[in-house]
Protein backbone atom coordinates (compact mmCIF):
# COMPACT_ATOMS: atom_id res chain seq x y z
CA UNK A 1 3.68 -15.68 32.87
CA UNK A 2 4.97 -16.90 29.33
CA UNK A 3 3.67 -20.30 30.09
CA UNK A 4 0.45 -19.02 31.34
CA UNK A 5 0.36 -17.18 28.97
CA UNK A 6 0.95 -20.43 25.65
CA UNK A 7 -1.52 -22.43 28.31
CA UNK A 8 -4.25 -19.39 27.96
CA UNK A 9 -3.55 -19.61 23.84
CA UNK A 10 -3.86 -23.54 23.17
CA UNK A 11 -6.84 -23.48 24.87
CA UNK A 12 -8.58 -19.79 22.64
CA UNK A 13 -7.10 -22.58 20.13
CA UNK A 14 -8.70 -26.04 20.70
CA UNK A 15 -12.01 -23.26 21.22
CA UNK A 16 -11.89 -21.70 18.44
CA UNK A 17 -12.04 -25.51 16.22
CA UNK A 18 -14.73 -26.37 18.21
CA UNK A 19 -17.06 -23.44 17.25
CA UNK A 20 -15.10 -23.71 13.00
CA UNK A 21 -15.91 -27.48 13.23
CA UNK A 22 -19.45 -26.29 13.76
CA UNK A 23 -20.13 -24.86 10.51
CA UNK A 24 -17.51 -26.91 7.94
CA UNK A 25 -18.88 -28.93 5.56
CA UNK A 26 -21.82 -26.88 6.15
CA UNK A 27 -23.74 -24.16 3.48
CA UNK A 28 -21.94 -21.16 4.36
CA UNK A 29 -22.58 -17.26 4.27
CA UNK A 30 -19.58 -16.43 3.09
CA UNK A 31 -19.48 -12.60 1.91
CA UNK A 32 -15.64 -10.31 0.20
CA UNK A 33 -14.20 -7.76 2.10
CA UNK A 34 -14.33 -4.91 -0.05
CA UNK A 35 -10.53 -3.88 -2.22
CA UNK A 36 -10.02 -7.76 -3.40
CA UNK A 37 -9.11 -8.54 0.79
CA UNK A 38 -10.49 -12.30 0.13
CA UNK A 39 -14.06 -14.09 2.23
CA UNK A 40 -14.77 -13.95 5.54
CA UNK A 41 -17.95 -16.92 6.74
CA UNK A 42 -19.53 -16.93 10.06
CA UNK A 43 -17.53 -19.04 11.83
CA UNK A 44 -14.36 -16.46 10.75
CA UNK A 45 -16.23 -13.82 12.55
CA UNK A 46 -18.24 -16.41 15.62
CA UNK A 47 -15.12 -17.16 16.69
CA UNK A 48 -13.44 -13.82 16.30
CA UNK A 49 -16.26 -12.71 18.82
CA UNK A 50 -15.32 -14.96 20.86
CA UNK A 51 -11.67 -14.38 20.81
CA UNK A 52 -11.75 -11.90 21.74
CA UNK A 53 -13.84 -11.87 24.47
CA UNK A 54 -11.73 -14.64 25.57
CA UNK A 55 -8.58 -13.36 25.52
CA UNK A 56 -9.14 -9.60 26.95
CA UNK A 57 -11.10 -11.29 29.23
CA UNK A 58 -7.88 -12.09 30.09
CA UNK A 59 -5.98 -10.13 28.94
CA UNK A 60 -6.93 -6.87 29.28
CA UNK A 61 -4.42 -4.72 28.82
CA UNK A 62 -3.66 -6.52 25.79
CA UNK A 63 -3.42 -4.60 22.37
CA UNK A 64 -5.67 -6.30 20.26
CA UNK A 65 -5.11 -7.40 16.45
CA UNK A 66 -7.33 -9.74 14.77
CA UNK A 67 -7.78 -9.79 10.15
CA UNK A 68 -11.90 -10.25 11.48
CA UNK A 69 -11.59 -6.72 13.87
CA UNK A 70 -11.56 -2.89 12.97
CA UNK A 71 -8.00 -2.12 13.49
CA UNK A 72 -7.30 0.48 15.85
CA UNK A 73 -3.58 1.97 16.76
CA UNK A 74 -4.68 1.69 20.08
CA UNK A 75 -2.62 -1.05 20.20
CA UNK A 76 0.09 0.41 19.64
CA UNK A 77 0.82 1.28 23.13
CA UNK A 78 0.58 -1.13 24.89
CA UNK A 79 3.56 -3.95 26.34
CA UNK A 80 2.08 -6.76 24.71
CA UNK A 81 -0.51 -7.72 21.99
CA UNK A 82 -2.32 -10.55 20.52
CA UNK A 83 -1.79 -11.57 16.54
CA UNK A 84 -4.84 -13.32 15.67
CA UNK A 85 -6.06 -14.41 11.72
CA UNK A 86 -9.67 -16.88 13.92
CA UNK A 87 -8.72 -18.67 10.40
CA UNK A 88 -6.11 -18.99 8.07
CA UNK A 89 -6.92 -19.95 4.81
CA UNK A 90 -10.58 -19.02 5.20
CA UNK A 91 -10.43 -20.25 1.03
CA UNK A 92 -10.05 -24.22 2.07
CA UNK A 93 -12.67 -24.06 4.49
CA UNK A 94 -14.96 -22.66 2.47
CA UNK A 95 -13.99 -25.08 -0.38
CA UNK A 96 -13.66 -28.15 2.08
CA UNK A 97 -10.04 -29.20 1.91
CA UNK A 98 -8.61 -29.57 5.61
CA UNK A 99 -5.44 -27.54 5.38
CA UNK A 100 -7.54 -24.17 7.94
CA UNK A 101 -6.42 -23.43 11.32
CA UNK A 102 -6.10 -20.90 14.48
CA UNK A 103 -3.68 -18.97 14.34
CA UNK A 104 -2.83 -17.25 17.33
CA UNK A 105 -0.07 -14.89 18.93
CA UNK A 106 1.42 -12.77 21.78
CA UNK A 107 4.09 -10.26 20.25
CA UNK A 108 5.72 -7.95 22.13
CA UNK A 109 9.16 -5.43 21.80
CA UNK A 110 8.32 -6.37 18.41
CA UNK A 111 8.82 -10.26 18.84
CA UNK A 112 6.22 -13.18 19.26
CA UNK A 113 6.89 -14.19 22.97
CA UNK A 114 4.11 -16.88 22.55
CA UNK A 115 2.32 -19.46 19.86
CA UNK A 116 -0.22 -21.10 19.39
CA UNK A 117 -1.43 -22.33 15.27
CA UNK A 118 -4.31 -25.43 15.68
CA UNK A 119 -5.14 -27.78 12.44
CA UNK A 120 -8.11 -28.89 14.07
CA UNK A 121 -9.80 -30.73 11.41
CA UNK A 122 -5.93 -32.58 10.78
CA UNK A 123 -6.12 -32.80 14.83
CA UNK A 124 -2.75 -31.28 15.77
CA UNK A 125 -1.30 -29.11 17.83
CA UNK A 126 1.71 -26.15 17.32
CA UNK A 127 2.96 -24.42 20.00
CA UNK A 128 6.20 -22.32 21.60
CA UNK A 129 7.05 -19.45 23.79
CA UNK A 130 10.30 -17.36 23.19
CA UNK A 131 14.00 -19.91 24.67
CA UNK A 132 11.49 -22.76 24.71
CA UNK A 133 11.62 -24.60 21.88
CA UNK A 134 8.63 -25.27 19.58
CA UNK A 135 5.93 -28.80 19.92
CA UNK A 136 3.14 -30.38 17.62
CA UNK A 137 1.03 -32.48 20.06
CA UNK A 138 3.44 -31.70 22.82
CA UNK A 139 6.00 -33.31 21.03
CA UNK A 140 9.34 -31.84 20.40
CA UNK A 141 10.13 -30.88 16.58
CA UNK A 142 12.82 -29.78 14.70
CA UNK A 143 13.85 -28.16 10.76
CA UNK A 144 15.83 -30.43 8.54
CA UNK A 145 18.92 -29.76 7.79
CA UNK A 146 17.98 -29.99 3.78
CA UNK A 147 20.69 -27.89 1.27
CA UNK A 148 19.49 -25.34 -0.76
CA UNK A 149 19.30 -28.29 -4.17
CA UNK A 150 16.79 -31.17 -3.84
CA UNK A 151 15.20 -29.14 -0.84
CA UNK A 152 10.84 -29.41 -0.97
CA UNK A 153 10.08 -25.77 0.00
CA UNK A 154 6.08 -24.56 0.30
CA UNK A 155 4.37 -21.49 -1.54
CA UNK A 156 2.76 -20.44 -4.18
CA UNK A 157 3.91 -21.11 -7.55
CA UNK A 158 4.59 -17.40 -8.29
CA UNK A 159 7.46 -17.20 -6.50
CA UNK A 160 9.38 -19.62 -8.68
CA UNK A 161 9.09 -17.59 -11.28
CA UNK A 162 13.06 -17.26 -13.24
CA UNK A 163 12.71 -13.31 -12.90
CA UNK A 164 12.49 -13.58 -9.24
CA UNK A 165 15.92 -15.63 -8.42
CA UNK A 166 19.46 -15.37 -9.37
CA UNK A 167 20.22 -17.03 -12.05
CA UNK A 168 16.72 -18.61 -12.24
CA UNK A 169 15.40 -20.60 -9.74
CA UNK A 170 17.39 -22.59 -7.52
CA UNK A 171 16.86 -26.89 -8.30
CA UNK A 172 14.59 -27.29 -5.50
CA UNK A 173 11.16 -28.85 -5.94
CA UNK A 174 7.60 -27.14 -4.70
CA UNK A 175 4.72 -27.84 -2.87
CA UNK A 176 1.77 -26.17 -1.89
CA UNK A 177 -0.74 -25.66 1.59
CA UNK A 178 -2.90 -22.99 1.39
CA UNK A 179 -2.57 -21.77 4.84
CA UNK A 180 0.57 -19.20 6.22
CA UNK A 181 0.51 -20.49 9.30
CA UNK A 182 0.85 -24.02 8.48
CA UNK A 183 3.44 -23.43 6.26
CA UNK A 184 4.99 -22.61 8.82
CA UNK A 185 4.56 -24.60 10.82
CA UNK A 186 4.98 -27.91 8.63
CA UNK A 187 9.06 -26.02 8.06
CA UNK A 188 9.07 -26.27 12.01
CA UNK A 189 7.89 -29.86 11.87
CA UNK A 190 10.16 -31.20 9.63
CA UNK A 191 7.98 -31.97 7.30
CA UNK A 192 8.59 -29.81 4.68
CA UNK A 193 12.39 -28.01 4.13
CA UNK A 194 11.49 -24.21 3.59
CA UNK A 195 8.52 -21.30 3.11
CA UNK A 196 8.12 -18.18 1.20
CA UNK A 197 6.08 -15.44 -0.24
CA UNK A 198 7.03 -12.44 -1.63
CA UNK A 199 4.00 -11.43 -1.20
CA UNK A 200 3.97 -8.50 1.79
CA UNK A 201 2.16 -10.80 4.21
CA UNK A 202 -0.25 -9.67 7.21
CA UNK A 203 0.45 -9.80 10.13
CA UNK A 204 -1.78 -12.36 12.05
CA UNK A 205 -1.28 -14.64 9.42
CA UNK A 206 2.65 -14.92 10.12
CA UNK A 207 2.93 -13.81 14.24
CA UNK A 208 2.38 -16.89 14.99
CA UNK A 209 4.09 -19.36 12.42
CA UNK A 210 7.41 -17.13 12.77
CA UNK A 211 7.28 -17.64 16.62
CA UNK A 212 7.46 -21.83 16.29
CA UNK A 213 9.15 -22.31 12.87
CA UNK A 214 12.41 -19.37 14.92
CA UNK A 215 12.05 -21.99 17.99
CA UNK A 216 12.14 -24.64 15.54
CA UNK A 217 15.58 -24.63 14.63
CA UNK A 218 14.78 -21.77 11.38
CA UNK A 219 15.73 -18.81 10.15
CA UNK A 220 13.33 -17.10 9.85
CA UNK A 221 12.95 -14.05 7.70
CA UNK A 222 11.55 -11.19 5.09
CA UNK A 223 12.77 -11.89 1.14
CA UNK A 224 15.34 -9.42 1.79
CA UNK A 225 17.17 -12.17 4.38
CA UNK A 226 15.96 -8.63 7.50
CA UNK A 227 14.26 -10.09 11.16
CA UNK A 228 10.70 -10.00 10.62
CA UNK A 229 9.11 -7.19 13.09
CA UNK A 230 5.21 -7.13 14.97
CA UNK A 231 2.78 -4.39 15.34
CA UNK A 232 3.63 -1.93 12.74
CA UNK A 233 1.29 0.43 12.62
CA UNK A 234 0.31 -0.59 8.99
CA UNK A 235 0.45 -4.88 10.28
CA UNK A 236 2.60 -5.61 7.62
CA UNK A 237 5.67 -7.50 6.22
CA UNK A 238 7.33 -7.13 2.99
CA UNK A 239 6.74 -11.05 2.38
CA UNK A 240 8.62 -14.52 4.40
CA UNK A 241 11.45 -17.18 3.83
CA UNK A 242 11.71 -19.16 6.71
CA UNK A 243 13.77 -22.61 6.49
CA UNK A 244 17.26 -24.63 7.96
CA UNK A 245 19.98 -22.46 8.53
CA UNK A 246 21.44 -23.33 6.00
CA UNK A 247 18.61 -23.49 2.96
CA UNK A 248 17.84 -20.30 4.17
CA UNK A 249 21.16 -19.06 3.17
CA UNK A 250 21.35 -20.56 0.15
CA UNK A 251 18.07 -19.27 -1.25
CA UNK A 252 18.12 -15.92 0.73
CA UNK A 253 21.46 -15.66 -1.21
CA UNK A 254 20.41 -16.27 -4.48
CA UNK A 255 16.44 -13.88 -4.72
CA UNK A 256 16.88 -10.80 -6.73
CA UNK A 257 16.38 -7.27 -4.72
CA UNK A 258 13.48 -6.51 -6.05
CA UNK A 259 11.11 -6.15 -3.53
CA UNK A 260 8.82 -8.58 -5.73
CA UNK A 261 5.21 -8.88 -5.67
CA UNK A 262 4.29 -11.36 -7.53
């Protein structure tokens, strides 16, 4: 079942890319969501509509959670759920940057069990099933074994302020990419050693990346070192820390247990 679910996600992700590329670097209809929730474009909505129909038709008994669909408690009573971000990195998409992705996951019992993250402009397809390992463009991928000192960690600048770390910021180097899903996949690919966000994170941004990173050997938790759970009534988790075991242990031990929100 997981293999067929993954094939469904991969095909849907590629179809998403075909739609999104028609809008990319063209004049876009952009709307700002209420309450500072960020921008949404006609491309986000077109991809979301296709995914909702395609995936819903294929698995009508699965629940649905998407950034671009009004949430419903109906998903809480389903056995499995689609957790979808039609375009993760919408600001990058609007700016003409290549680092945006389609992030698709299937969740069961609070855990992602199948995932695909696709970057159409880079033609990178990251995929994983629970217990089946992670791949990028069908090739197996694995996290690094970097220690804390000298590690390169993806994250927004505020996460590395001294105030969030016992004894100050660890001796790491910082890098950044726009899409949370892509950051997690870059850790899975071994191109970067870890990623962190101390801000509350929406499930659709991280569900697929969590499975891909974990299946590539990463430890993925919230900043308080607790496992991530999905399909929550309020679909957020209190941030993410993903890295190989040695680096994860070192960073988690140094984080202040303050629940800080940079």
